[in-house]
Protein backbone atom coordinates (compact mmCIF):
# COMPACT_ATOMS: atom_id res chain seq x y z
CA UNK A 1 196.86 111.49 160.27
CA UNK A 2 195.32 108.23 159.16
CA UNK A 3 194.80 107.49 155.44
CA UNK A 4 191.05 107.66 155.99
CA UNK A 5 191.19 111.09 157.57
CA UNK A 6 193.60 112.32 154.92
CA UNK A 7 191.19 111.07 152.25
CA UNK A 8 188.35 112.92 153.95
CA UNK A 9 189.81 116.36 153.71
CA UNK A 10 186.91 118.81 153.29
CA UNK A 11 187.82 119.47 149.64
CA UNK A 12 188.45 115.82 148.68
CA UNK A 13 186.56 113.98 145.96
CA UNK A 14 185.54 111.29 148.38
CA UNK A 15 183.74 113.79 150.61
CA UNK A 16 181.90 115.18 147.60
CA UNK A 17 180.81 111.72 146.51
CA UNK A 18 179.62 110.79 149.98
CA UNK A 19 177.62 114.00 150.25
CA UNK A 20 176.09 113.37 146.84
CA UNK A 21 175.07 109.84 148.03
CA UNK A 22 173.68 111.41 151.23
CA UNK A 23 171.41 114.03 149.67
CA UNK A 24 170.41 111.60 146.89
CA UNK A 25 169.03 109.39 149.68
CA UNK A 26 167.24 112.42 151.17
CA UNK A 27 165.47 113.07 147.88
CA UNK A 28 164.60 109.40 147.33
CA UNK A 29 163.33 109.19 150.90
CA UNK A 30 161.02 112.12 150.32
CA UNK A 31 159.73 110.49 147.12
CA UNK A 32 158.94 107.27 148.98
CA UNK A 33 157.22 109.36 151.69
CA UNK A 34 154.50 110.50 149.26
CA UNK A 35 152.59 107.19 149.63
CA UNK A 36 151.53 105.54 152.89
CA UNK A 37 152.70 102.11 151.84
CA UNK A 38 156.23 103.30 151.31
CA UNK A 39 156.46 106.19 153.75
CA UNK A 40 158.11 104.20 156.57
CA UNK A 41 160.73 102.86 154.14
CA UNK A 42 161.28 106.40 152.87
CA UNK A 43 161.92 107.60 156.40
CA UNK A 44 164.55 104.89 156.92
CA UNK A 45 166.22 105.69 153.56
CA UNK A 46 166.46 109.39 154.49
CA UNK A 47 167.81 108.40 157.90
CA UNK A 48 170.59 106.37 156.26
CA UNK A 49 171.37 109.44 154.12
CA UNK A 50 171.62 111.58 157.22
CA UNK A 51 173.87 109.02 158.92
CA UNK A 52 176.21 109.08 155.94
CA UNK A 53 176.31 112.90 156.05
CA UNK A 54 177.03 113.00 159.79
CA UNK A 55 179.75 110.33 159.64
CA UNK A 56 181.39 111.99 156.62
CA UNK A 57 181.42 115.31 158.43
CA UNK A 58 182.83 113.87 161.68
CA UNK A 59 185.61 112.00 159.83
CA UNK A 60 186.95 115.19 158.17
CA UNK A 61 190.15 116.63 159.49
CA UNK A 62 189.84 119.54 161.85
CA UNK A 63 187.03 117.92 163.85
CA UNK A 64 187.84 117.86 167.56
CA UNK A 65 186.26 117.79 171.05
CA UNK A 66 185.32 114.14 170.61
CA UNK A 67 184.15 113.82 174.24
CA UNK A 68 181.57 116.51 173.70
CA UNK A 69 180.54 115.19 170.25
CA UNK A 70 180.09 111.59 171.42
CA UNK A 71 178.33 112.71 174.59
CA UNK A 72 175.96 114.84 172.56
CA UNK A 73 175.27 111.98 170.15
CA UNK A 74 174.46 109.56 172.98
CA UNK A 75 172.22 111.99 174.87
CA UNK A 76 170.38 113.03 171.74
CA UNK A 77 169.95 109.45 170.62
CA UNK A 78 168.54 108.32 173.99
CA UNK A 79 166.17 111.26 174.38
CA UNK A 80 164.98 111.11 170.82
CA UNK A 81 164.38 107.34 170.93
CA UNK A 82 162.54 107.45 174.25
CA UNK A 83 160.40 110.49 173.23
CA UNK A 84 159.51 108.93 169.89
CA UNK A 85 158.40 105.68 171.48
CA UNK A 86 156.29 107.35 174.12
CA UNK A 87 154.69 110.15 172.15
CA UNK A 88 151.01 109.58 171.21
CA UNK A 89 149.81 110.09 167.68
CA UNK A 90 147.62 112.96 168.88
CA UNK A 91 150.76 114.67 170.20
CA UNK A 92 152.79 114.29 167.05
CA UNK A 93 152.36 117.95 165.98
CA UNK A 94 153.83 119.08 169.33
CA UNK A 95 156.74 116.72 168.79
CA UNK A 96 157.30 118.06 165.29
CA UNK A 97 157.24 121.59 166.70
CA UNK A 98 159.73 120.75 169.41
CA UNK A 99 162.12 118.87 167.08
CA UNK A 100 161.87 121.65 164.51
CA UNK A 101 162.68 124.23 167.22
CA UNK A 102 165.70 122.28 168.34
CA UNK A 103 166.96 122.29 164.73
CA UNK A 104 166.58 126.05 164.52
CA UNK A 105 168.21 126.57 167.91
CA UNK A 106 171.19 124.33 166.91
CA UNK A 107 171.73 126.43 163.74
CA UNK A 108 171.59 129.65 165.72
CA UNK A 109 174.20 128.30 168.16
CA UNK A 110 176.40 127.15 165.28
CA UNK A 111 176.27 130.67 163.81
CA UNK A 112 177.13 132.20 167.17
CA UNK A 113 180.02 129.71 167.59
CA UNK A 114 181.38 130.75 164.18
CA UNK A 115 181.22 134.40 165.08
CA UNK A 116 182.87 133.80 168.45
CA UNK A 117 185.68 131.95 166.65
CA UNK A 118 186.26 135.03 164.43
CA UNK A 119 186.29 137.29 167.47
CA UNK A 120 188.80 134.99 169.19
CA UNK A 121 191.05 135.01 166.13
CA UNK A 122 190.84 138.82 165.99
CA UNK A 123 192.15 139.38 169.53
CA UNK A 124 195.86 139.25 168.65
CA UNK A 125 195.21 141.47 165.66
CA UNK A 126 193.38 144.05 167.82
CA UNK A 127 196.33 144.15 170.24
CA UNK A 128 198.71 144.66 167.30
CA UNK A 129 196.59 147.44 165.79
CA UNK A 130 196.50 149.26 169.12
CA UNK A 131 200.17 150.21 168.72
CA UNK A 132 200.16 151.12 165.05
CA UNK A 133 199.32 154.23 163.08
CA UNK A 134 196.13 155.01 161.09
CA UNK A 135 197.69 154.11 157.71
CA UNK A 136 198.65 150.63 158.91
CA UNK A 137 195.12 150.18 160.36
CA UNK A 138 193.61 150.98 156.99
CA UNK A 139 195.86 148.44 155.27
CA UNK A 140 194.91 145.76 157.78
CA UNK A 141 191.21 146.60 157.40
CA UNK A 142 191.39 146.21 153.65
CA UNK A 143 193.01 142.81 153.78
CA UNK A 144 191.78 141.06 156.94
CA UNK A 145 188.02 140.70 157.06
CA UNK A 146 185.36 138.01 157.14
CA UNK A 147 184.19 137.57 153.52
CA UNK A 148 180.65 138.83 153.03
CA UNK A 149 179.73 135.56 151.35
CA UNK A 150 180.41 133.99 154.71
CA UNK A 151 179.25 136.79 156.99
CA UNK A 152 175.81 137.28 155.43
CA UNK A 153 174.66 133.58 155.51
CA UNK A 154 175.99 133.34 159.08
CA UNK A 155 173.82 136.33 160.15
CA UNK A 156 170.87 134.87 158.29
CA UNK A 157 171.38 131.48 159.93
CA UNK A 158 171.49 133.11 163.37
CA UNK A 159 168.41 135.28 162.94
CA UNK A 160 166.17 132.73 161.21
CA UNK A 161 167.33 129.91 163.49
CA UNK A 162 166.65 131.93 166.63
CA UNK A 163 163.15 132.96 165.34
CA UNK A 164 162.38 129.33 164.50
CA UNK A 165 163.56 128.07 167.88
CA UNK A 166 161.51 130.43 170.04
CA UNK A 167 158.51 130.46 167.74
CA UNK A 168 158.44 126.64 167.67
CA UNK A 169 158.59 126.54 171.49
CA UNK A 170 155.54 128.81 171.67
CA UNK A 171 153.71 126.61 169.16
CA UNK A 172 154.62 123.55 171.22
CA UNK A 173 153.29 125.23 174.35
CA UNK A 174 149.99 126.10 172.71
CA UNK A 175 149.40 122.67 171.26
CA UNK A 176 150.40 121.03 174.56
CA UNK A 177 148.18 123.51 176.41
CA UNK A 178 151.03 124.68 178.58
CA UNK A 179 150.02 128.21 177.54
CA UNK A 180 146.57 129.37 176.38
CA UNK A 181 145.85 128.41 172.81
CA UNK A 182 143.94 131.62 172.05
CA UNK A 183 145.71 134.60 170.40
CA UNK A 184 147.79 136.52 173.01
CA UNK A 185 149.17 139.86 172.07
CA UNK A 186 150.45 143.02 173.71
CA UNK A 187 148.86 146.34 172.79
CA UNK A 188 150.49 147.41 169.51
CA UNK A 189 152.02 143.93 168.97
CA UNK A 190 152.31 144.41 165.22
CA UNK A 191 154.16 147.68 165.73
CA UNK A 192 156.46 146.03 168.28
CA UNK A 193 157.16 143.19 165.80
CA UNK A 194 157.93 145.76 163.08
CA UNK A 195 160.35 147.57 165.38
CA UNK A 196 162.09 144.33 166.22
CA UNK A 197 162.39 143.44 162.51
CA UNK A 198 163.90 146.87 161.79
CA UNK A 199 166.36 146.36 164.62
CA UNK A 200 167.42 143.02 163.14
CA UNK A 201 167.94 144.52 159.73
CA UNK A 202 169.91 147.42 161.17
CA UNK A 203 172.08 145.07 163.27
CA UNK A 204 172.71 142.82 160.27
CA UNK A 205 173.76 145.81 158.15
CA UNK A 206 176.01 147.07 160.94
CA UNK A 207 177.76 143.71 161.36
CA UNK A 208 177.95 143.22 157.59
CA UNK A 209 179.66 146.60 157.06
CA UNK A 210 181.96 146.11 159.98
CA UNK A 211 183.19 142.75 158.91
CA UNK A 212 186.89 143.51 159.43
CA UNK A 213 188.43 141.34 162.10
CA UNK A 214 189.40 144.33 164.24
CA UNK A 215 185.79 145.64 164.15
CA UNK A 216 183.86 142.41 164.95
CA UNK A 217 181.25 143.21 167.55
CA UNK A 218 180.06 140.20 169.53
CA UNK A 219 177.73 142.16 171.90
CA UNK A 220 175.73 143.35 168.87
CA UNK A 221 175.61 139.75 167.57
CA UNK A 222 174.27 138.54 170.94
CA UNK A 223 171.81 141.43 171.03
CA UNK A 224 170.54 140.31 167.59
CA UNK A 225 170.06 136.79 168.97
CA UNK A 226 167.86 138.18 171.75
CA UNK A 227 165.91 140.46 169.39
CA UNK A 228 165.32 137.51 167.02
CA UNK A 229 164.08 135.44 170.03
CA UNK A 230 161.61 138.25 170.96
CA UNK A 231 160.42 138.44 167.35
CA UNK A 232 159.87 134.66 167.21
CA UNK A 233 157.74 134.81 170.33
CA UNK A 234 156.00 138.01 169.27
CA UNK A 235 154.96 136.58 165.90
CA UNK A 236 153.60 133.24 167.18
CA UNK A 237 151.89 134.30 170.43
CA UNK A 238 149.09 136.29 168.66
CA UNK A 239 148.24 133.25 166.48
CA UNK A 240 145.35 131.02 167.60
CA UNK A 241 145.85 127.36 168.35
CA UNK A 242 143.80 126.22 165.36
CA UNK A 243 146.39 127.75 163.08
CA UNK A 244 149.32 126.17 164.83
CA UNK A 245 149.85 123.36 162.29
CA UNK A 246 150.31 125.96 159.52
CA UNK A 247 152.70 127.94 161.74
CA UNK A 248 154.71 124.82 162.53
CA UNK A 249 155.01 124.10 158.81
CA UNK A 250 156.18 127.63 158.18
CA UNK A 251 158.67 127.49 161.04
CA UNK A 252 159.90 124.20 159.63
CA UNK A 253 160.64 126.01 156.39
CA UNK A 254 162.50 128.70 158.36
CA UNK A 255 164.63 126.05 160.03
CA UNK A 256 165.49 124.59 156.61
CA UNK A 257 166.46 128.04 155.26
CA UNK A 258 168.67 128.67 158.29
CA UNK A 259 170.35 125.29 157.82
CA UNK A 260 171.00 126.07 154.16
CA UNK A 261 172.45 129.43 155.14
CA UNK A 262 174.71 127.74 157.71
CA UNK A 263 175.77 125.24 155.03
CA UNK A 264 176.83 128.11 152.79
CA UNK A 265 178.78 129.71 155.61
CA UNK A 266 180.46 126.38 156.53
CA UNK A 267 180.89 125.31 152.87
CA UNK A 268 179.02 122.09 153.68
CA UNK A 269 177.21 120.70 150.61
CA UNK A 270 175.03 118.22 152.49
CA UNK A 271 173.80 120.94 154.86
CA UNK A 272 172.95 123.23 151.95
CA UNK A 273 170.96 120.57 150.13
CA UNK A 274 169.23 119.20 153.23
CA UNK A 275 168.31 122.69 154.38
CA UNK A 276 167.04 123.62 150.92
CA UNK A 277 164.92 120.48 150.79
CA UNK A 278 163.39 121.25 154.21
CA UNK A 279 162.88 124.87 153.36
CA UNK A 280 161.21 124.27 150.01
CA UNK A 281 159.03 121.37 151.19
CA UNK A 282 158.01 123.34 154.31
CA UNK A 283 157.07 126.30 152.13
CA UNK A 284 155.04 124.17 149.74
CA UNK A 285 153.22 122.47 152.62
CA UNK A 286 152.43 125.83 154.23
CA UNK A 287 150.98 127.16 151.00
CA UNK A 288 148.97 123.94 150.47
CA UNK A 289 147.50 124.15 154.01
CA UNK A 290 146.66 127.80 153.61
CA UNK A 291 144.91 127.00 150.28
CA UNK A 292 142.97 124.17 152.00
CA UNK A 293 141.58 126.80 154.42
CA UNK A 294 141.05 129.37 151.69
CA UNK A 295 143.22 131.80 153.54
CA UNK A 296 146.50 133.51 152.85
CA UNK A 297 149.59 132.92 154.91
CA UNK A 298 149.52 136.57 155.90
CA UNK A 299 145.97 136.18 157.20
CA UNK A 300 146.98 133.16 159.23
CA UNK A 301 149.96 135.02 160.73
CA UNK A 302 148.24 138.32 161.48
CA UNK A 303 144.51 137.76 161.73
CA UNK A 304 144.51 136.30 165.28
CA UNK A 305 142.00 133.64 164.29
CA UNK A 306 141.71 130.17 165.81
CA UNK A 307 140.90 130.60 169.48
CA UNK A 308 138.25 129.23 171.77
CA UNK A 309 137.15 132.82 172.23
CA UNK A 310 136.14 133.05 168.58
CA UNK A 311 132.43 133.32 168.19
CA UNK A 312 130.07 132.44 165.39
CA UNK A 313 127.39 129.98 164.47
CA UNK A 314 124.72 131.18 166.92
CA UNK A 315 123.76 130.16 170.43
CA UNK A 316 124.11 126.40 170.46
CA UNK A 317 122.31 125.99 173.84
CA UNK A 318 119.04 127.19 172.32
CA UNK A 319 119.15 125.29 169.04
CA UNK A 320 117.37 121.96 168.76
CA UNK A 321 119.19 118.81 167.67
CA UNK A 322 118.48 115.06 167.38
CA UNK A 323 120.37 112.25 169.08
CA UNK A 324 120.47 108.52 168.52
CA UNK A 325 121.90 105.59 170.48
CA UNK A 326 124.34 103.03 169.05
CA UNK A 327 121.54 100.58 168.13
CA UNK A 328 119.67 103.14 166.09
CA UNK A 329 122.91 104.25 164.38
CA UNK A 330 123.72 100.63 163.51
CA UNK A 331 120.29 100.15 161.92
CA UNK A 332 120.76 103.29 159.80
CA UNK A 333 124.16 102.07 158.64
CA UNK A 334 123.07 98.46 157.97
CA UNK A 335 120.28 99.52 155.64
CA UNK A 336 122.46 101.95 153.64
CA UNK A 337 123.98 101.19 150.24
CA UNK A 338 126.84 103.65 150.63
CA UNK A 339 128.59 105.06 153.75
CA UNK A 340 131.30 107.73 153.93
CA UNK A 341 133.30 108.00 157.11
CA UNK A 342 134.80 111.43 157.88
CA UNK A 343 137.63 111.10 160.46
CA UNK A 344 139.00 113.97 162.50
CA UNK A 345 141.04 114.80 165.57
CA UNK A 346 138.47 113.16 167.87
CA UNK A 347 139.19 109.79 166.21
CA UNK A 348 142.89 110.31 166.89
CA UNK A 349 142.27 111.19 170.50
CA UNK A 350 140.08 108.15 171.08
CA UNK A 351 142.48 105.93 169.13
CA UNK A 352 139.44 104.58 167.37
CA UNK A 353 140.96 103.77 164.00
CA UNK A 354 141.01 100.04 164.52
CA UNK A 355 137.40 99.85 165.70
CA UNK A 356 136.38 102.02 162.73
CA UNK A 357 138.05 99.54 160.48
CA UNK A 358 136.03 96.76 162.20
CA UNK A 359 132.88 98.73 161.61
CA UNK A 360 133.70 99.16 157.97
CA UNK A 361 134.41 95.42 157.65
CA UNK A 362 131.02 94.57 159.16
CA UNK A 363 129.32 96.94 156.74
CA UNK A 364 131.20 95.40 153.80
CA UNK A 365 129.90 92.02 154.82
CA UNK A 366 126.38 93.42 154.49
CA UNK A 367 127.10 94.74 151.00
CA UNK A 368 127.58 98.36 152.06
CA UNK A 369 130.16 100.36 150.15
CA UNK A 370 132.45 102.28 152.57
CA UNK A 371 134.86 105.12 151.79
CA UNK A 372 136.66 107.62 153.90
CA UNK A 373 136.68 111.40 153.21
CA UNK A 374 139.98 113.06 154.06
CA UNK A 375 140.21 116.83 154.44
CA UNK A 376 143.68 118.31 153.87
CA UNK A 377 143.85 119.86 157.32
CA UNK A 378 141.86 117.26 159.29
CA UNK A 379 143.53 116.48 162.61
CA UNK A 380 146.51 118.51 163.70
CA UNK A 381 148.84 118.12 160.74
CA UNK A 382 148.61 117.12 157.05
CA UNK A 383 148.43 113.40 156.57
CA UNK A 384 147.35 112.82 160.18
CA UNK A 385 144.24 110.85 159.23
CA UNK A 386 146.02 108.97 156.44
CA UNK A 387 148.65 107.67 158.88
CA UNK A 388 146.06 106.67 161.48
CA UNK A 389 143.93 104.75 158.97
CA UNK A 390 146.96 103.18 157.34
CA UNK A 391 147.95 101.94 160.81
CA UNK A 392 144.61 100.15 160.94
CA UNK A 393 145.21 98.59 157.49
CA UNK A 394 142.42 100.55 155.80
CA UNK A 395 142.85 100.04 151.99
CA UNK A 396 144.45 103.10 150.52
CA UNK A 397 141.95 103.18 147.59
CA UNK A 398 139.14 103.83 150.12
CA UNK A 399 140.74 107.12 151.22
CA UNK A 400 139.20 109.88 149.16
CA UNK A 401 140.50 113.43 149.06
CA UNK A 402 138.03 116.30 149.57
CA UNK A 403 137.71 117.22 145.93
CA UNK A 404 137.11 113.59 144.93
CA UNK A 405 134.54 112.74 147.57
CA UNK A 406 132.42 115.94 147.61
CA UNK A 407 130.70 115.23 144.26
CA UNK A 408 129.71 111.80 145.52
CA UNK A 409 128.14 112.95 148.80
CA UNK A 410 124.66 113.83 147.39
CA UNK A 411 124.35 110.14 146.38
CA UNK A 412 125.68 108.90 149.71
CA UNK A 413 123.15 107.36 152.15
CA UNK A 414 124.97 107.97 155.38
CA UNK A 415 127.97 110.09 156.42
CA UNK A 416 129.60 109.18 159.70
CA UNK A 417 131.56 112.09 161.12
CA UNK A 418 133.97 110.97 163.88
CA UNK A 419 135.63 113.93 165.60
CA UNK A 420 135.84 116.11 162.49
CA UNK A 421 134.36 119.42 163.44
CA UNK A 422 135.54 122.59 161.71
CA UNK A 423 136.21 120.80 158.37
CA UNK A 424 132.50 119.80 158.12
CA UNK A 425 130.90 123.05 159.24
CA UNK A 426 128.34 124.25 156.62
CA UNK A 427 128.84 127.83 157.91
CA UNK A 428 131.88 127.90 155.69
CA UNK A 429 129.52 127.82 152.70
CA UNK A 430 126.55 129.76 153.98
CA UNK A 431 127.44 132.24 156.74
CA UNK A 432 129.40 135.22 155.45
CA UNK A 433 129.87 136.45 159.00
CA UNK A 434 131.64 133.21 160.03
CA UNK A 435 135.45 133.38 160.45
CA UNK A 436 135.72 130.23 158.35
CA UNK A 437 133.51 131.45 155.51
CA UNK A 438 134.99 130.39 152.21
CA UNK A 439 137.05 127.53 153.62
CA UNK A 440 136.63 124.31 151.55
CA UNK A 441 134.94 121.65 153.64
CA UNK A 442 133.79 118.05 153.41
CA UNK A 443 130.17 118.74 152.34
CA UNK A 444 128.62 116.06 154.53
CA UNK A 445 125.39 118.11 154.74
CA UNK A 446 124.73 117.05 151.13
CA UNK A 447 124.39 113.39 152.13
CA UNK A 448 121.00 111.79 152.80
CA UNK A 449 121.74 111.29 156.50
CA UNK A 450 124.55 112.34 158.85
CA UNK A 451 125.71 110.63 162.05
CA UNK A 452 128.03 112.73 164.21
CA UNK A 453 129.95 110.74 166.86
CA UNK A 454 131.05 113.14 169.54
CA UNK A 455 131.37 113.47 173.27
CA UNK A 456 129.33 116.65 173.53
CA UNK A 457 127.99 119.65 171.57
CA UNK A 458 131.19 121.59 172.23
CA UNK A 459 132.92 123.59 169.52
CA UNK A 460 135.99 122.39 167.63
CA UNK A 461 139.57 123.59 167.87
CA UNK A 462 138.76 126.83 166.09
CA UNK A 463 136.16 127.60 168.75
CA UNK A 464 133.25 127.88 166.28
CA UNK A 465 129.87 126.25 166.80
CA UNK A 466 129.11 123.71 164.06
CA UNK A 467 125.88 124.30 162.18
CA UNK A 468 126.00 120.72 161.01
CA UNK A 469 124.92 119.52 164.49
CA UNK A 470 121.55 121.24 164.14
CA UNK A 471 120.82 120.20 160.54
CA UNK A 472 117.61 118.25 160.12
CA UNK A 473 119.60 115.43 158.45
CA UNK A 474 121.92 115.11 161.37
CA UNK A 475 121.74 112.90 164.41
CA UNK A 476 124.24 113.05 167.24
CA UNK A 477 125.61 109.88 168.80
CA UNK A 478 127.21 110.94 172.08
CA UNK A 479 130.09 109.18 173.81
CA UNK A 480 133.72 108.24 173.49
CA UNK A 481 134.34 107.61 169.80
CA UNK A 482 136.10 104.29 170.29
CA UNK A 483 133.46 102.90 172.66
CA UNK A 484 130.61 104.21 170.50
CA UNK A 485 131.96 102.63 167.37
CA UNK A 486 132.51 99.35 169.25
CA UNK A 487 128.88 99.44 170.37
CA UNK A 488 127.83 100.01 166.78
CA UNK A 489 129.95 97.07 165.64
CA UNK A 490 128.32 94.88 168.24
CA UNK A 491 124.84 95.95 167.14
CA UNK A 492 125.73 95.36 163.47
CA UNK A 493 126.71 91.83 164.36
CA UNK A 494 123.33 91.26 165.92
CA UNK A 495 121.36 92.49 162.85
């Protein structure tokens, strides 16, 4: 054994120090990630921390199968790098769901590998016990078993990791429109999910009680993997596509918890800390998103809301609305004193952030004050709009959170809504029969005039007709958001 490998024995001080450095970088990276100007640097800092943790783990004695390890690292690096370069910003939630699912699946496989190793070690013991009396068997049972402090977190890692993997795959499929985004459920789905949960608990108790090496039961362990997979699919399938960002955040927390459990089972400090950080941050984010929609997590998971089939808002085909062309919109903006731009998913789809910045610059030249109203769940994930606008070099002090901008909207001359649909719907304030009633929104209907840039009068991701479109203050400007904004910029230059 080389001096380095000897120094990196799992219980050595050097390993402990390197792991402390690793998760310290994780925490510092998260701190840097709280501000757009430092988020990229924070991501790199956390990546360095992860590299230290991985290298430290691989250099410890007892690590083998280097061909498989190196091959896996190469394949994963290539696939990850190519996918990250090619993915569009609008597809980032799907990518997060997929990566999160892979993490949960990896943890489930690690747990299964550990259990298989115990079963393999128990084979000679089972052969020995077969020729001995009952008294000897009792003595062996009392002294040769998997400690519960290892067995329990292994079972938790397997169950939660499997649920996260399969649930995240369903979320990916819905966001990518590989499967219908509306809630899909079997008759009695909640009862089925309850039965699956009971089976998992019963299987976990059975394996925990029978933790002696001679009683390890791999078929039951595999059956629990399958049941957990069915539960992951059964829980996520009945959830509508509009709620997928919250579900992804929750599944991300699950993956973190499973990683922490695996860290406890493997006695790996870095995995425990990293998993706890992911689990806690994912939980906080889930609660924040639920609060932003004025709904409980239980309602999101079990209400079946968020589908194109969801009604509400009246018959849009029979309701009158106004429309303007780009020239008229430019005139309204040029003669305003204050303009608030409300970005949404449509802006991301059109990749219009740079042209929106050009429009804001043109308005600034004319003495118009421009700010941006950011709803916590605008787009498909928290921070989606912040990242897009930061990419276009929009000054961070112009980005106003919902609670900050709403009191200013009654004094705002023009609100420009670009692709934001559900988060600007006045039905959330006025229509008690609406599924989104009570959800905090950007109150653009309080402004003096509203311009909505949209391709058509179609409903948003939640499938709910937007009453804002028919407000007497509102004018629709139809077309691709990027092209429409570019036309407005051209007209502003001519005024």
